[in-house]
Amino acid sequence: MSPFLNRYTTPLTLGLFAISAVSGLALFFHVGQGIFHSMHEWLSIVLLVPFAFHLWKNWGAMLGYVRRGTLLAPAVATLVVSLAFVLPALSHGERGSPFKAVQLLTKTSIASLAPVLKTTPDALQASLVQRGYKVVSSNDTLDTVAASSGVPAMKLLLDVVPAQ
């Protein structure tokens, strides 16, 4: 391995991981999606390069984890957790995804959404305005209201769904 790669593989891996972690948290909490989305995707892909060199550089230590069996439990746990996200999509397809249902609700006009929420379009619009959201008409969708109000559409939806 070249002296450059030997010296900078771990710091590059750490730096890109930190960026991926911060941008991932921002995306999770719906903060600065326009800023962080592309950065998170691209720099996470770039992270694979120094990670591969880091793995190559530390291959002996990795084999030690395999021989001692300490790699097995974290690998299985990671696989199980990832399956919790993958299996519902595989079993129901994209059409059955709960995320698609939420997106559908946020793309529906206030007038059409109101009966689903057991209210009237005027009452739903008034409720949104009372909460400080910018609503022009009952033909607005939660997506457009969220965009004009500077909040995530999911927050708006959670605000208007009645408590059970």
C-alpha atoms as a PDB file:
ATOM      1  CA  MET A   1       0.000   0.000   0.000  1.00  0.00           C
ATOM      2  CA  SER A   2       1.334   3.447  -0.864  1.00  0.00           C
ATOM      3  CA  PRO A   3       2.473   5.742   1.944  1.00  0.00           C
ATOM      4  CA  PHE A   4      -0.349   8.151   1.055  1.00  0.00           C
ATOM      5  CA  LEU A   5      -3.046   5.485   1.406  1.00  0.00           C
ATOM      6  CA  ASN A   6      -1.371   4.035   4.479  1.00  0.00           C
ATOM      7  CA  ARG A   7      -1.383   7.441   6.156  1.00  0.00           C
ATOM      8  CA  TYR A   8      -4.792   8.775   5.058  1.00  0.00           C
ATOM      9  CA  THR A   9      -7.098   5.756   4.721  1.00  0.00           C
ATOM     10  CA  THR A  10      -8.361   5.808   8.309  1.00  0.00           C
ATOM     11  CA  PRO A  11      -8.727   9.625   8.570  1.00  0.00           C
ATOM     12  CA  LEU A  12     -10.607   9.727   5.242  1.00  0.00           C
ATOM     13  CA  THR A  13     -12.892   6.915   6.392  1.00  0.00           C
ATOM     14  CA  LEU A  14     -13.550   8.722   9.669  1.00  0.00           C
ATOM     15  CA  GLY A  15     -14.145  12.105   8.017  1.00  0.00           C
ATOM     16  CA  LEU A  16     -16.526  10.765   5.382  1.00  0.00           C
ATOM     17  CA  PHE A  17     -18.330   8.654   7.990  1.00  0.00           C
ATOM     18  CA  ALA A  18     -18.826  11.769  10.140  1.00  0.00           C
ATOM     19  CA  ILE A  19     -20.300  13.637   7.157  1.00  0.00           C
ATOM     20  CA  SER A  20     -22.534  10.671   6.344  1.00  0.00           C
ATOM     21  CA  ALA A  21     -23.690  10.451   9.975  1.00  0.00           C
ATOM     22  CA  VAL A  22     -24.475  14.172  10.289  1.00  0.00           C
ATOM     23  CA  SER A  23     -26.239  14.363   6.927  1.00  0.00           C
ATOM     24  CA  GLY A  24     -28.110  11.126   7.679  1.00  0.00           C
ATOM     25  CA  LEU A  25     -29.358  12.524  10.991  1.00  0.00           C
ATOM     26  CA  ALA A  26     -30.418  15.740   9.289  1.00  0.00           C
ATOM     27  CA  LEU A  27     -32.350  13.753   6.684  1.00  0.00           C
ATOM     28  CA  PHE A  28     -33.940  11.583   9.372  1.00  0.00           C
ATOM     29  CA  PHE A  29     -35.196  14.655  11.210  1.00  0.00           C
ATOM     30  CA  HIS A  30     -36.209  16.359   7.925  1.00  0.00           C
ATOM     31  CA  VAL A  31     -33.795  19.262   8.349  1.00  0.00           C
ATOM     32  CA  GLY A  32     -32.229  20.800   5.254  1.00  0.00           C
ATOM     33  CA  GLN A  33     -33.287  18.005   2.916  1.00  0.00           C
ATOM     34  CA  GLY A  34     -32.336  20.043  -0.154  1.00  0.00           C
ATOM     35  CA  ILE A  35     -28.874  20.628   1.297  1.00  0.00           C
ATOM     36  CA  PHE A  36     -28.128  17.179   2.682  1.00  0.00           C
ATOM     37  CA  HIS A  37     -29.810  14.727   0.296  1.00  0.00           C
ATOM     38  CA  SER A  38     -27.298  14.752  -2.589  1.00  0.00           C
ATOM     39  CA  MET A  39     -24.352  15.255  -0.241  1.00  0.00           C
ATOM     40  CA  HIS A  40     -25.405  12.221   1.811  1.00  0.00           C
ATOM     41  CA  GLU A  41     -25.883   9.991  -1.219  1.00  0.00           C
ATOM     42  CA  TRP A  42     -22.703  10.939  -3.053  1.00  0.00           C
ATOM     43  CA  LEU A  43     -20.326  11.153  -0.114  1.00  0.00           C
ATOM     44  CA  SER A  44     -21.643   7.844   1.224  1.00  0.00           C
ATOM     45  CA  ILE A  45     -20.673   6.316  -2.119  1.00  0.00           C
ATOM     46  CA  VAL A  46     -17.264   8.030  -1.955  1.00  0.00           C
ATOM     47  CA  LEU A  47     -16.894   6.616   1.586  1.00  0.00           C
ATOM     48  CA  LEU A  48     -16.739   3.126   0.079  1.00  0.00           C
ATOM     49  CA  VAL A  49     -13.320   3.837  -1.462  1.00  0.00           C
ATOM     50  CA  PRO A  50     -11.368   4.679   1.720  1.00  0.00           C
ATOM     51  CA  PHE A  51     -13.422   2.025   3.561  1.00  0.00           C
ATOM     52  CA  ALA A  52     -12.223  -0.631   1.097  1.00  0.00           C
ATOM     53  CA  PHE A  53      -8.606   0.532   1.550  1.00  0.00           C
ATOM     54  CA  HIS A  54      -9.094   0.601   5.330  1.00  0.00           C
ATOM     55  CA  LEU A  55     -10.425  -2.967   5.214  1.00  0.00           C
ATOM     56  CA  TRP A  56      -7.492  -4.038   3.020  1.00  0.00           C
ATOM     57  CA  LYS A  57      -4.997  -2.324   5.328  1.00  0.00           C
ATOM     58  CA  ASN A  58      -6.521  -3.978   8.414  1.00  0.00           C
ATOM     59  CA  TRP A  59      -7.343  -7.369   6.868  1.00  0.00           C
ATOM     60  CA  GLY A  60      -5.326  -9.266   9.503  1.00  0.00           C
ATOM     61  CA  ALA A  61      -7.307  -7.719  12.339  1.00  0.00           C
ATOM     62  CA  MET A  62     -10.561  -8.458  10.479  1.00  0.00           C
ATOM     63  CA  LEU A  63      -9.596 -12.121  10.185  1.00  0.00           C
ATOM     64  CA  GLY A  64      -8.939 -12.120  13.935  1.00  0.00           C
ATOM     65  CA  TYR A  65     -12.544 -10.991  14.516  1.00  0.00           C
ATOM     66  CA  VAL A  66     -13.733 -13.816  12.257  1.00  0.00           C
ATOM     67  CA  ARG A  67     -11.561 -16.449  13.992  1.00  0.00           C
ATOM     68  CA  ARG A  68     -12.687 -15.376  17.482  1.00  0.00           C
ATOM     69  CA  GLY A  69     -16.325 -15.294  16.375  1.00  0.00           C
ATOM     70  CA  THR A  70     -16.783 -11.688  17.493  1.00  0.00           C
ATOM     71  CA  LEU A  71     -17.851 -10.592  14.009  1.00  0.00           C
ATOM     72  CA  LEU A  72     -20.776 -13.019  13.768  1.00  0.00           C
ATOM     73  CA  ALA A  73     -23.195 -11.489  16.322  1.00  0.00           C
ATOM     74  CA  PRO A  74     -22.888  -7.876  15.034  1.00  0.00           C
ATOM     75  CA  ALA A  75     -23.210  -9.078  11.430  1.00  0.00           C
ATOM     76  CA  VAL A  76     -26.349 -11.103  12.210  1.00  0.00           C
ATOM     77  CA  ALA A  77     -27.858  -8.241  14.274  1.00  0.00           C
ATOM     78  CA  THR A  78     -27.239  -5.811  11.422  1.00  0.00           C
ATOM     79  CA  LEU A  79     -28.830  -8.186   8.937  1.00  0.00           C
ATOM     80  CA  VAL A  80     -31.908  -8.714  11.140  1.00  0.00           C
ATOM     81  CA  VAL A  81     -32.412  -4.971  11.630  1.00  0.00           C
ATOM     82  CA  SER A  82     -32.069  -4.309   7.902  1.00  0.00           C
ATOM     83  CA  LEU A  83     -34.610  -7.043   7.129  1.00  0.00           C
ATOM     84  CA  ALA A  84     -37.162  -5.185   9.260  1.00  0.00           C
ATOM     85  CA  PHE A  85     -37.039  -2.457   6.616  1.00  0.00           C
ATOM     86  CA  VAL A  86     -36.691  -4.652   3.548  1.00  0.00           C
ATOM     87  CA  LEU A  87     -39.262  -7.408   4.181  1.00  0.00           C
ATOM     88  CA  PRO A  88     -42.379  -5.195   4.303  1.00  0.00           C
ATOM     89  CA  ALA A  89     -41.414  -3.662   0.962  1.00  0.00           C
ATOM     90  CA  LEU A  90     -40.693  -7.069  -0.550  1.00  0.00           C
ATOM     91  CA  SER A  91     -43.882  -8.671   0.733  1.00  0.00           C
ATOM     92  CA  HIS A  92     -46.175  -5.798  -0.261  1.00  0.00           C
ATOM     93  CA  GLY A  93     -44.191  -4.263  -3.087  1.00  0.00           C
ATOM     94  CA  GLU A  94     -43.887  -0.507  -3.462  1.00  0.00           C
ATOM     95  CA  ARG A  95     -47.668  -0.198  -3.635  1.00  0.00           C
ATOM     96  CA  GLY A  96     -48.060  -1.603  -0.111  1.00  0.00           C
ATOM     97  CA  SER A  97     -45.444   0.558   1.539  1.00  0.00           C
ATOM     98  CA  PRO A  98     -46.758   2.645   4.446  1.00  0.00           C
ATOM     99  CA  PHE A  99     -44.453   5.423   3.274  1.00  0.00           C
ATOM    100  CA  LYS A 100     -46.329   5.565  -0.019  1.00  0.00           C
ATOM    101  CA  ALA A 101     -49.610   5.898   1.897  1.00  0.00           C
ATOM    102  CA  VAL A 102     -48.234   8.860   3.837  1.00  0.00           C
ATOM    103  CA  GLN A 103     -46.992  10.469   0.614  1.00  0.00           C
ATOM    104  CA  LEU A 104     -50.422   9.991  -0.905  1.00  0.00           C
ATOM    105  CA  LEU A 105     -52.052  11.767   2.042  1.00  0.00           C
ATOM    106  CA  THR A 106     -49.671  14.721   1.802  1.00  0.00           C
ATOM    107  CA  LYS A 107     -50.315  15.056  -1.944  1.00  0.00           C
ATOM    108  CA  THR A 108     -54.105  15.159  -1.472  1.00  0.00           C
ATOM    109  CA  SER A 109     -55.972  18.466  -1.362  1.00  0.00           C
ATOM    110  CA  ILE A 110     -57.229  19.735   1.973  1.00  0.00           C
ATOM    111  CA  ALA A 111     -60.765  19.485   0.595  1.00  0.00           C
ATOM    112  CA  SER A 112     -60.319  15.784  -0.209  1.00  0.00           C
ATOM    113  CA  LEU A 113     -58.342  15.000   2.941  1.00  0.00           C
ATOM    114  CA  ALA A 114     -60.818  16.581   5.362  1.00  0.00           C
ATOM    115  CA  PRO A 115     -63.446  13.781   5.243  1.00  0.00           C
ATOM    116  CA  VAL A 116     -60.714  11.183   5.851  1.00  0.00           C
ATOM    117  CA  LEU A 117     -59.759  13.139   8.989  1.00  0.00           C
ATOM    118  CA  LYS A 118     -63.449  13.366   9.998  1.00  0.00           C
ATOM    119  CA  THR A 119     -63.684  17.125   9.577  1.00  0.00           C
ATOM    120  CA  THR A 120     -64.760  19.667   6.975  1.00  0.00           C
ATOM    121  CA  PRO A 121     -62.437  21.364   4.479  1.00  0.00           C
ATOM    122  CA  ASP A 122     -63.105  24.757   6.127  1.00  0.00           C
ATOM    123  CA  ALA A 123     -62.374  23.399   9.616  1.00  0.00           C
ATOM    124  CA  LEU A 124     -59.178  21.692   8.441  1.00  0.00           C
ATOM    125  CA  GLN A 125     -58.012  24.845   6.668  1.00  0.00           C
ATOM    126  CA  ALA A 126     -58.822  26.944   9.759  1.00  0.00           C
ATOM    127  CA  SER A 127     -56.943  24.481  11.967  1.00  0.00           C
ATOM    128  CA  LEU A 128     -53.856  24.751   9.775  1.00  0.00           C
ATOM    129  CA  VAL A 129     -54.016  28.556   9.711  1.00  0.00           C
ATOM    130  CA  GLN A 130     -54.480  28.630  13.497  1.00  0.00           C
ATOM    131  CA  ARG A 131     -51.286  26.564  13.829  1.00  0.00           C
ATOM    132  CA  GLY A 132     -49.422  29.185  11.782  1.00  0.00           C
ATOM    133  CA  TYR A 133     -49.311  27.413   8.434  1.00  0.00           C
ATOM    134  CA  LYS A 134     -49.746  29.349   5.184  1.00  0.00           C
ATOM    135  CA  VAL A 135     -52.869  28.060   3.435  1.00  0.00           C
ATOM    136  CA  VAL A 136     -54.242  29.791   0.332  1.00  0.00           C
ATOM    137  CA  SER A 137     -57.276  27.588  -0.339  1.00  0.00           C
ATOM    138  CA  SER A 138     -58.747  24.195   0.414  1.00  0.00           C
ATOM    139  CA  ASN A 139     -57.360  23.084  -2.961  1.00  0.00           C
ATOM    140  CA  ASP A 140     -53.838  23.280  -1.477  1.00  0.00           C
ATOM    141  CA  THR A 141     -52.164  19.984  -0.608  1.00  0.00           C
ATOM    142  CA  LEU A 142     -50.304  19.396   2.647  1.00  0.00           C
ATOM    143  CA  ASP A 143     -47.125  19.291   0.544  1.00  0.00           C
ATOM    144  CA  THR A 144     -47.716  22.804  -0.826  1.00  0.00           C
ATOM    145  CA  VAL A 145     -48.734  24.154   2.585  1.00  0.00           C
ATOM    146  CA  ALA A 146     -45.638  22.571   4.149  1.00  0.00           C
ATOM    147  CA  ALA A 147     -43.360  24.002   1.451  1.00  0.00           C
ATOM    148  CA  SER A 148     -44.781  27.518   1.813  1.00  0.00           C
ATOM    149  CA  SER A 149     -44.599  27.252   5.611  1.00  0.00           C
ATOM    150  CA  GLY A 150     -41.049  25.879   5.702  1.00  0.00           C
ATOM    151  CA  VAL A 151     -41.863  22.628   7.520  1.00  0.00           C
ATOM    152  CA  PRO A 152     -41.846  18.961   6.517  1.00  0.00           C
ATOM    153  CA  ALA A 153     -45.168  17.670   5.159  1.00  0.00           C
ATOM    154  CA  MET A 154     -45.006  14.796   7.659  1.00  0.00           C
ATOM    155  CA  LYS A 155     -45.113  17.272  10.557  1.00  0.00           C
ATOM    156  CA  LEU A 156     -48.188  18.901   9.052  1.00  0.00           C
ATOM    157  CA  LEU A 157     -49.889  15.537   8.633  1.00  0.00           C
ATOM    158  CA  LEU A 158     -49.131  14.580  12.225  1.00  0.00           C
ATOM    159  CA  ASP A 159     -50.520  17.936  13.375  1.00  0.00           C
ATOM    160  CA  VAL A 160     -53.882  17.404  11.653  1.00  0.00           C
ATOM    161  CA  VAL A 161     -54.471  13.707  12.355  1.00  0.00           C
ATOM    162  CA  PRO A 162     -57.009  13.547  15.190  1.00  0.00           C
ATOM    163  CA  ALA A 163     -55.965  11.932  18.468  1.00  0.00           C
ATOM    164  CA  GLN A 164     -57.730   8.662  19.150  1.00  0.00           C
END
